[in-house]
Amino acid sequence: MNVALLGKATPKTHANAESFSLLMQANHFMSMMSRDSLEKAKDLYESVLEIDSNDARAWAGLARTLIAQAGYGFTDNEQGS
């Protein structure tokens, strides 16, 4: 098997320090899995997306948070529980 490398991989960096900090905070609150922490995580992921709407990690985190909220019954009827 022959593999051709296309050059040196560049390390991925986060362009905005504020959005990265918010993302890390959101991940922390998401991992706590309580009603309040999931709501805080949701708000933080949305803040990241206000800064950079193309941030895939924030979209994925928001999706995981909304799924967790629905799964634990932490949503009201208007949100889809």
PDB file of N, CA and C in Angstrom:
ATOM      1  N   MET A   1       0.844  -1.177   0.000  1.00  0.00           N
ATOM      2  CA  MET A   1       0.000   0.000   0.000  1.00  0.00           C
ATOM      3  C   MET A   1       0.890   1.243   0.000  1.00  0.00           C
ATOM      4  N   ASN A   2       0.671   2.113  -0.933  1.00  0.00           N
ATOM      5  CA  ASN A   2       1.427   3.361  -1.025  1.00  0.00           C
ATOM      6  C   ASN A   2       0.554   4.510  -0.541  1.00  0.00           C
ATOM      7  N   VAL A   3       1.126   5.313   0.335  1.00  0.00           N
ATOM      8  CA  VAL A   3       0.413   6.460   0.878  1.00  0.00           C
ATOM      9  C   VAL A   3       1.218   7.710   0.574  1.00  0.00           C
ATOM     10  N   ALA A   4       0.572   8.696   0.009  1.00  0.00           N
ATOM     11  CA  ALA A   4       1.231   9.967  -0.284  1.00  0.00           C
ATOM     12  C   ALA A   4       0.737  11.013   0.709  1.00  0.00           C
ATOM     13  N   LEU A   5       1.653  11.569   1.461  1.00  0.00           N
ATOM     14  CA  LEU A   5       1.295  12.614   2.403  1.00  0.00           C
ATOM     15  C   LEU A   5       1.246  13.952   1.686  1.00  0.00           C
ATOM     16  N   LEU A   6       0.301  14.756   2.060  1.00  0.00           N
ATOM     17  CA  LEU A   6       0.087  16.024   1.366  1.00  0.00           C
ATOM     18  C   LEU A   6       0.761  17.198   2.051  1.00  0.00           C
ATOM     19  N   GLY A   7       1.692  16.955   2.886  1.00  0.00           N
ATOM     20  CA  GLY A   7       2.375  18.037   3.570  1.00  0.00           C
ATOM     21  C   GLY A   7       2.183  17.933   5.066  1.00  0.00           C
ATOM     22  N   LYS A   8       2.738  18.858   5.748  1.00  0.00           N
ATOM     23  CA  LYS A   8       2.691  18.855   7.205  1.00  0.00           C
ATOM     24  C   LYS A   8       1.315  19.320   7.682  1.00  0.00           C
ATOM     25  N   ALA A   9       0.732  18.552   8.585  1.00  0.00           N
ATOM     26  CA  ALA A   9      -0.560  18.938   9.152  1.00  0.00           C
ATOM     27  C   ALA A   9      -0.376  20.146  10.055  1.00  0.00           C
ATOM     28  N   THR A  10      -1.280  21.075   9.933  1.00  0.00           N
ATOM     29  CA  THR A  10      -1.230  22.242  10.799  1.00  0.00           C
ATOM     30  C   THR A  10      -2.097  21.995  12.020  1.00  0.00           C
ATOM     31  N   PRO A  11      -1.606  22.356  13.185  1.00  0.00           N
ATOM     32  CA  PRO A  11      -2.417  22.141  14.383  1.00  0.00           C
ATOM     33  C   PRO A  11      -3.653  23.027  14.368  1.00  0.00           C
ATOM     34  N   LYS A  12      -4.756  22.466  14.816  1.00  0.00           N
ATOM     35  CA  LYS A  12      -5.992  23.250  14.863  1.00  0.00           C
ATOM     36  C   LYS A  12      -5.964  24.139  16.096  1.00  0.00           C
ATOM     37  N   THR A  13      -6.271  25.382  15.898  1.00  0.00           N
ATOM     38  CA  THR A  13      -6.345  26.325  17.004  1.00  0.00           C
ATOM     39  C   THR A  13      -7.716  26.976  16.982  1.00  0.00           C
ATOM     40  N   HIS A  14      -8.113  27.460  18.098  1.00  0.00           N
ATOM     41  CA  HIS A  14      -9.387  28.157  18.187  1.00  0.00           C
ATOM     42  C   HIS A  14      -9.120  29.634  17.987  1.00  0.00           C
ATOM     43  N   ALA A  15      -9.771  30.227  17.018  1.00  0.00           N
ATOM     44  CA  ALA A  15      -9.482  31.598  16.608  1.00  0.00           C
ATOM     45  C   ALA A  15      -9.846  32.621  17.675  1.00  0.00           C
ATOM     46  N   ASN A  16     -10.826  32.342  18.482  1.00  0.00           N
ATOM     47  CA  ASN A  16     -11.308  33.323  19.437  1.00  0.00           C
ATOM     48  C   ASN A  16     -11.187  32.759  20.850  1.00  0.00           C
ATOM     49  N   ALA A  17     -10.370  33.390  21.674  1.00  0.00           N
ATOM     50  CA  ALA A  17     -10.138  32.906  23.037  1.00  0.00           C
ATOM     51  C   ALA A  17     -11.413  32.936  23.871  1.00  0.00           C
ATOM     52  N   GLU A  18     -12.242  33.943  23.665  1.00  0.00           N
ATOM     53  CA  GLU A  18     -13.484  34.040  24.440  1.00  0.00           C
ATOM     54  C   GLU A  18     -14.414  32.883  24.109  1.00  0.00           C
ATOM     55  N   SER A  19     -14.585  32.585  22.837  1.00  0.00           N
ATOM     56  CA  SER A  19     -15.492  31.502  22.471  1.00  0.00           C
ATOM     57  C   SER A  19     -14.932  30.154  22.928  1.00  0.00           C
ATOM     58  N   PHE A  20     -13.614  29.984  22.908  1.00  0.00           N
ATOM     59  CA  PHE A  20     -13.013  28.741  23.396  1.00  0.00           C
ATOM     60  C   PHE A  20     -13.260  28.576  24.892  1.00  0.00           C
ATOM     61  N   SER A  21     -13.100  29.652  25.639  1.00  0.00           N
ATOM     62  CA  SER A  21     -13.353  29.608  27.083  1.00  0.00           C
ATOM     63  C   SER A  21     -14.817  29.255  27.370  1.00  0.00           C
ATOM     64  N   LEU A  22     -15.725  29.871  26.625  1.00  0.00           N
ATOM     65  CA  LEU A  22     -17.148  29.565  26.790  1.00  0.00           C
ATOM     66  C   LEU A  22     -17.445  28.108  26.440  1.00  0.00           C
ATOM     67  N   LEU A  23     -16.796  27.610  25.402  1.00  0.00           N
ATOM     68  CA  LEU A  23     -16.979  26.225  24.991  1.00  0.00           C
ATOM     69  C   LEU A  23     -16.519  25.270  26.085  1.00  0.00           C
ATOM     70  N   MET A  24     -15.374  25.539  26.687  1.00  0.00           N
ATOM     71  CA  MET A  24     -14.867  24.684  27.761  1.00  0.00           C
ATOM     72  C   MET A  24     -15.780  24.722  28.979  1.00  0.00           C
ATOM     73  N   GLN A  25     -16.303  25.900  29.296  1.00  0.00           N
ATOM     74  CA  GLN A  25     -17.251  26.012  30.411  1.00  0.00           C
ATOM     75  C   GLN A  25     -18.521  25.223  30.105  1.00  0.00           C
ATOM     76  N   ALA A  26     -19.003  25.341  28.886  1.00  0.00           N
ATOM     77  CA  ALA A  26     -20.211  24.615  28.487  1.00  0.00           C
ATOM     78  C   ALA A  26     -19.997  23.112  28.600  1.00  0.00           C
ATOM     79  N   ASN A  27     -18.835  22.634  28.158  1.00  0.00           N
ATOM     80  CA  ASN A  27     -18.541  21.208  28.266  1.00  0.00           C
ATOM     81  C   ASN A  27     -18.542  20.754  29.722  1.00  0.00           C
ATOM     82  N   HIS A  28     -18.005  21.585  30.597  1.00  0.00           N
ATOM     83  CA  HIS A  28     -17.990  21.260  32.023  1.00  0.00           C
ATOM     84  C   HIS A  28     -19.416  21.139  32.567  1.00  0.00           C
ATOM     85  N   PHE A  29     -20.246  22.130  32.286  1.00  0.00           N
ATOM     86  CA  PHE A  29     -21.620  22.091  32.795  1.00  0.00           C
ATOM     87  C   PHE A  29     -22.407  20.946  32.176  1.00  0.00           C
ATOM     88  N   MET A  30     -22.150  20.651  30.914  1.00  0.00           N
ATOM     89  CA  MET A  30     -22.818  19.531  30.249  1.00  0.00           C
ATOM     90  C   MET A  30     -22.511  18.220  30.970  1.00  0.00           C
ATOM     91  N   SER A  31     -21.285  18.055  31.401  1.00  0.00           N
ATOM     92  CA  SER A  31     -20.879  16.802  32.047  1.00  0.00           C
ATOM     93  C   SER A  31     -21.517  16.601  33.413  1.00  0.00           C
ATOM     94  N   MET A  32     -22.047  17.646  34.018  1.00  0.00           N
ATOM     95  CA  MET A  32     -22.653  17.540  35.353  1.00  0.00           C
ATOM     96  C   MET A  32     -24.049  16.917  35.312  1.00  0.00           C
ATOM     97  N   MET A  33     -24.751  17.048  34.208  1.00  0.00           N
ATOM     98  CA  MET A  33     -26.034  16.392  33.954  1.00  0.00           C
ATOM     99  C   MET A  33     -27.148  16.682  34.960  1.00  0.00           C
ATOM    100  N   SER A  34     -27.180  17.874  35.515  1.00  0.00           N
ATOM    101  CA  SER A  34     -28.318  18.257  36.357  1.00  0.00           C
ATOM    102  C   SER A  34     -29.199  19.214  35.559  1.00  0.00           C
ATOM    103  N   ARG A  35     -30.401  19.447  36.036  1.00  0.00           N
ATOM    104  CA  ARG A  35     -31.302  20.368  35.341  1.00  0.00           C
ATOM    105  C   ARG A  35     -30.636  21.735  35.155  1.00  0.00           C
ATOM    106  N   ASP A  36     -30.094  22.269  36.246  1.00  0.00           N
ATOM    107  CA  ASP A  36     -29.497  23.605  36.190  1.00  0.00           C
ATOM    108  C   ASP A  36     -28.231  23.632  35.335  1.00  0.00           C
ATOM    109  N   SER A  37     -27.386  22.602  35.464  1.00  0.00           N
ATOM    110  CA  SER A  37     -26.133  22.612  34.706  1.00  0.00           C
ATOM    111  C   SER A  37     -26.383  22.447  33.209  1.00  0.00           C
ATOM    112  N   LEU A  38     -27.389  21.656  32.835  1.00  0.00           N
ATOM    113  CA  LEU A  38     -27.711  21.503  31.416  1.00  0.00           C
ATOM    114  C   LEU A  38     -28.258  22.807  30.833  1.00  0.00           C
ATOM    115  N   GLU A  39     -29.035  23.516  31.615  1.00  0.00           N
ATOM    116  CA  GLU A  39     -29.546  24.815  31.146  1.00  0.00           C
ATOM    117  C   GLU A  39     -28.395  25.811  30.976  1.00  0.00           C
ATOM    118  N   LYS A  40     -27.453  25.800  31.929  1.00  0.00           N
ATOM    119  CA  LYS A  40     -26.277  26.673  31.833  1.00  0.00           C
ATOM    120  C   LYS A  40     -25.437  26.295  30.607  1.00  0.00           C
ATOM    121  N   ALA A  41     -25.245  24.988  30.380  1.00  0.00           N
ATOM    122  CA  ALA A  41     -24.487  24.530  29.213  1.00  0.00           C
ATOM    123  C   ALA A  41     -25.157  24.997  27.927  1.00  0.00           C
ATOM    124  N   LYS A  42     -26.465  24.871  27.850  1.00  0.00           N
ATOM    125  CA  LYS A  42     -27.217  25.305  26.667  1.00  0.00           C
ATOM    126  C   LYS A  42     -26.976  26.793  26.399  1.00  0.00           C
ATOM    127  N   ASP A  43     -27.075  27.599  27.449  1.00  0.00           N
ATOM    128  CA  ASP A  43     -26.851  29.038  27.296  1.00  0.00           C
ATOM    129  C   ASP A  43     -25.421  29.338  26.820  1.00  0.00           C
ATOM    130  N   LEU A  44     -24.446  28.616  27.368  1.00  0.00           N
ATOM    131  CA  LEU A  44     -23.054  28.843  26.987  1.00  0.00           C
ATOM    132  C   LEU A  44     -22.790  28.412  25.541  1.00  0.00           C
ATOM    133  N   TYR A  45     -23.323  27.250  25.133  1.00  0.00           N
ATOM    134  CA  TYR A  45     -23.153  26.832  23.734  1.00  0.00           C
ATOM    135  C   TYR A  45     -23.781  27.857  22.794  1.00  0.00           C
ATOM    136  N   GLU A  46     -24.938  28.375  23.159  1.00  0.00           N
ATOM    137  CA  GLU A  46     -25.578  29.397  22.325  1.00  0.00           C
ATOM    138  C   GLU A  46     -24.732  30.668  22.263  1.00  0.00           C
ATOM    139  N   SER A  47     -24.055  31.001  23.360  1.00  0.00           N
ATOM    140  CA  SER A  47     -23.160  32.171  23.353  1.00  0.00           C
ATOM    141  C   SER A  47     -21.990  31.958  22.412  1.00  0.00           C
ATOM    142  N   VAL A  48     -21.436  30.739  22.406  1.00  0.00           N
ATOM    143  CA  VAL A  48     -20.352  30.433  21.470  1.00  0.00           C
ATOM    144  C   VAL A  48     -20.849  30.604  20.040  1.00  0.00           C
ATOM    145  N   LEU A  49     -22.050  30.124  19.766  1.00  0.00           N
ATOM    146  CA  LEU A  49     -22.593  30.196  18.403  1.00  0.00           C
ATOM    147  C   LEU A  49     -22.912  31.624  17.984  1.00  0.00           C
ATOM    148  N   GLU A  50     -23.175  32.507  18.939  1.00  0.00           N
ATOM    149  CA  GLU A  50     -23.346  33.922  18.607  1.00  0.00           C
ATOM    150  C   GLU A  50     -22.026  34.519  18.135  1.00  0.00           C
ATOM    151  N   ILE A  51     -20.924  34.042  18.688  1.00  0.00           N
ATOM    152  CA  ILE A  51     -19.598  34.520  18.291  1.00  0.00           C
ATOM    153  C   ILE A  51     -19.181  33.882  16.971  1.00  0.00           C
ATOM    154  N   ASP A  52     -19.384  32.567  16.859  1.00  0.00           N
ATOM    155  CA  ASP A  52     -18.979  31.838  15.652  1.00  0.00           C
ATOM    156  C   ASP A  52     -20.027  30.783  15.328  1.00  0.00           C
ATOM    157  N   SER A  53     -20.905  31.110  14.404  1.00  0.00           N
ATOM    158  CA  SER A  53     -22.006  30.198  14.073  1.00  0.00           C
ATOM    159  C   SER A  53     -21.543  28.959  13.312  1.00  0.00           C
ATOM    160  N   ASN A  54     -20.280  28.900  12.944  1.00  0.00           N
ATOM    161  CA  ASN A  54     -19.741  27.733  12.241  1.00  0.00           C
ATOM    162  C   ASN A  54     -18.972  26.787  13.155  1.00  0.00           C
ATOM    163  N   ASP A  55     -19.013  27.011  14.457  1.00  0.00           N
ATOM    164  CA  ASP A  55     -18.258  26.181  15.393  1.00  0.00           C
ATOM    165  C   ASP A  55     -18.970  24.836  15.574  1.00  0.00           C
ATOM    166  N   ALA A  56     -18.440  23.814  14.931  1.00  0.00           N
ATOM    167  CA  ALA A  56     -19.071  22.492  14.957  1.00  0.00           C
ATOM    168  C   ALA A  56     -19.113  21.908  16.364  1.00  0.00           C
ATOM    169  N   ARG A  57     -18.084  22.195  17.169  1.00  0.00           N
ATOM    170  CA  ARG A  57     -18.071  21.660  18.539  1.00  0.00           C
ATOM    171  C   ARG A  57     -19.205  22.249  19.361  1.00  0.00           C
ATOM    172  N   ALA A  58     -19.510  23.514  19.137  1.00  0.00           N
ATOM    173  CA  ALA A  58     -20.617  24.140  19.866  1.00  0.00           C
ATOM    174  C   ALA A  58     -21.957  23.579  19.403  1.00  0.00           C
ATOM    175  N   TRP A  59     -22.104  23.366  18.095  1.00  0.00           N
ATOM    176  CA  TRP A  59     -23.349  22.771  17.587  1.00  0.00           C
ATOM    177  C   TRP A  59     -23.539  21.370  18.153  1.00  0.00           C
ATOM    178  N   ALA A  60     -22.459  20.594  18.172  1.00  0.00           N
ATOM    179  CA  ALA A  60     -22.544  19.221  18.698  1.00  0.00           C
ATOM    180  C   ALA A  60     -22.863  19.232  20.191  1.00  0.00           C
ATOM    181  N   GLY A  61     -22.230  20.132  20.921  1.00  0.00           N
ATOM    182  CA  GLY A  61     -22.496  20.238  22.353  1.00  0.00           C
ATOM    183  C   GLY A  61     -23.925  20.665  22.634  1.00  0.00           C
ATOM    184  N   LEU A  62     -24.416  21.613  21.846  1.00  0.00           N
ATOM    185  CA  LEU A  62     -25.798  22.058  22.013  1.00  0.00           C
ATOM    186  C   LEU A  62     -26.760  20.905  21.737  1.00  0.00           C
ATOM    187  N   ALA A  63     -26.483  20.145  20.696  1.00  0.00           N
ATOM    188  CA  ALA A  63     -27.343  19.000  20.375  1.00  0.00           C
ATOM    189  C   ALA A  63     -27.326  17.977  21.506  1.00  0.00           C
ATOM    190  N   ARG A  64     -26.131  17.652  22.023  1.00  0.00           N
ATOM    191  CA  ARG A  64     -26.043  16.703  23.139  1.00  0.00           C
ATOM    192  C   ARG A  64     -26.802  17.210  24.359  1.00  0.00           C
ATOM    193  N   THR A  65     -26.707  18.512  24.604  1.00  0.00           N
ATOM    194  CA  THR A  65     -27.387  19.109  25.755  1.00  0.00           C
ATOM    195  C   THR A  65     -28.899  19.021  25.600  1.00  0.00           C
ATOM    196  N   LEU A  66     -29.405  19.356  24.431  1.00  0.00           N
ATOM    197  CA  LEU A  66     -30.851  19.298  24.207  1.00  0.00           C
ATOM    198  C   LEU A  66     -31.365  17.864  24.293  1.00  0.00           C
ATOM    199  N   ILE A  67     -30.586  16.919  23.788  1.00  0.00           N
ATOM    200  CA  ILE A  67     -30.972  15.508  23.882  1.00  0.00           C
ATOM    201  C   ILE A  67     -30.991  15.064  25.344  1.00  0.00           C
ATOM    202  N   ALA A  68     -29.979  15.465  26.108  1.00  0.00           N
ATOM    203  CA  ALA A  68     -29.932  15.107  27.530  1.00  0.00           C
ATOM    204  C   ALA A  68     -31.105  15.725  28.279  1.00  0.00           C
ATOM    205  N   GLN A  69     -31.406  16.994  28.005  1.00  0.00           N
ATOM    206  CA  GLN A  69     -32.544  17.635  28.666  1.00  0.00           C
ATOM    207  C   GLN A  69     -33.840  16.885  28.368  1.00  0.00           C
ATOM    208  N   ALA A  70     -34.044  16.513  27.123  1.00  0.00           N
ATOM    209  CA  ALA A  70     -35.258  15.785  26.753  1.00  0.00           C
ATOM    210  C   ALA A  70     -35.261  14.397  27.380  1.00  0.00           C
ATOM    211  N   GLY A  71     -34.122  13.728  27.366  1.00  0.00           N
ATOM    212  CA  GLY A  71     -34.030  12.379  27.912  1.00  0.00           C
ATOM    213  C   GLY A  71     -34.291  12.314  29.404  1.00  0.00           C
ATOM    214  N   TYR A  72     -33.852  13.332  30.132  1.00  0.00           N
ATOM    215  CA  TYR A  72     -34.077  13.372  31.574  1.00  0.00           C
ATOM    216  C   TYR A  72     -35.399  14.045  31.943  1.00  0.00           C
ATOM    217  N   GLY A  73     -36.140  14.487  30.944  1.00  0.00           N
ATOM    218  CA  GLY A  73     -37.419  15.142  31.211  1.00  0.00           C
ATOM    219  C   GLY A  73     -37.283  16.550  31.727  1.00  0.00           C
ATOM    220  N   PHE A  74     -36.183  17.226  31.387  1.00  0.00           N
ATOM    221  CA  PHE A  74     -35.940  18.574  31.860  1.00  0.00           C
ATOM    222  C   PHE A  74     -36.468  19.649  30.918  1.00  0.00           C
ATOM    223  N   THR A  75     -37.303  19.271  29.950  1.00  0.00           N
ATOM    224  CA  THR A  75     -37.857  20.258  29.017  1.00  0.00           C
ATOM    225  C   THR A  75     -39.349  20.409  29.280  1.00  0.00           C
ATOM    226  N   ASP A  76     -39.878  21.550  28.871  1.00  0.00           N
ATOM    227  CA  ASP A  76     -41.319  21.717  28.979  1.00  0.00           C
ATOM    228  C   ASP A  76     -41.968  21.255  27.662  1.00  0.00           C
ATOM    229  N   ASN A  77     -43.265  21.238  27.612  1.00  0.00           N
ATOM    230  CA  ASN A  77     -43.973  20.721  26.431  1.00  0.00           C
ATOM    231  C   ASN A  77     -43.680  21.522  25.169  1.00  0.00           C
ATOM    232  N   GLU A  78     -43.441  22.814  25.291  1.00  0.00           N
ATOM    233  CA  GLU A  78     -43.146  23.641  24.114  1.00  0.00           C
ATOM    234  C   GLU A  78     -41.816  23.264  23.482  1.00  0.00           C
ATOM    235  N   GLN A  79     -40.900  22.704  24.253  1.00  0.00           N
ATOM    236  CA  GLN A  79     -39.580  22.331  23.741  1.00  0.00           C
ATOM    237  C   GLN A  79     -39.539  20.915  23.233  1.00  0.00           C
ATOM    238  N   GLY A  80     -40.605  20.167  23.365  1.00  0.00           N
ATOM    239  CA  GLY A  80     -40.622  18.868  22.750  1.00  0.00           C
ATOM    240  C   GLY A  80     -40.591  17.664  23.654  1.00  0.00           C
ATOM    241  N   SER A  81     -40.851  17.852  24.947  1.00  0.00           N
ATOM    242  CA  SER A  81     -40.837  16.657  25.811  1.00  0.00           C
ATOM    243  C   SER A  81     -42.145  15.898  25.700  1.00  0.00           C
TER     244      SER A  81
END
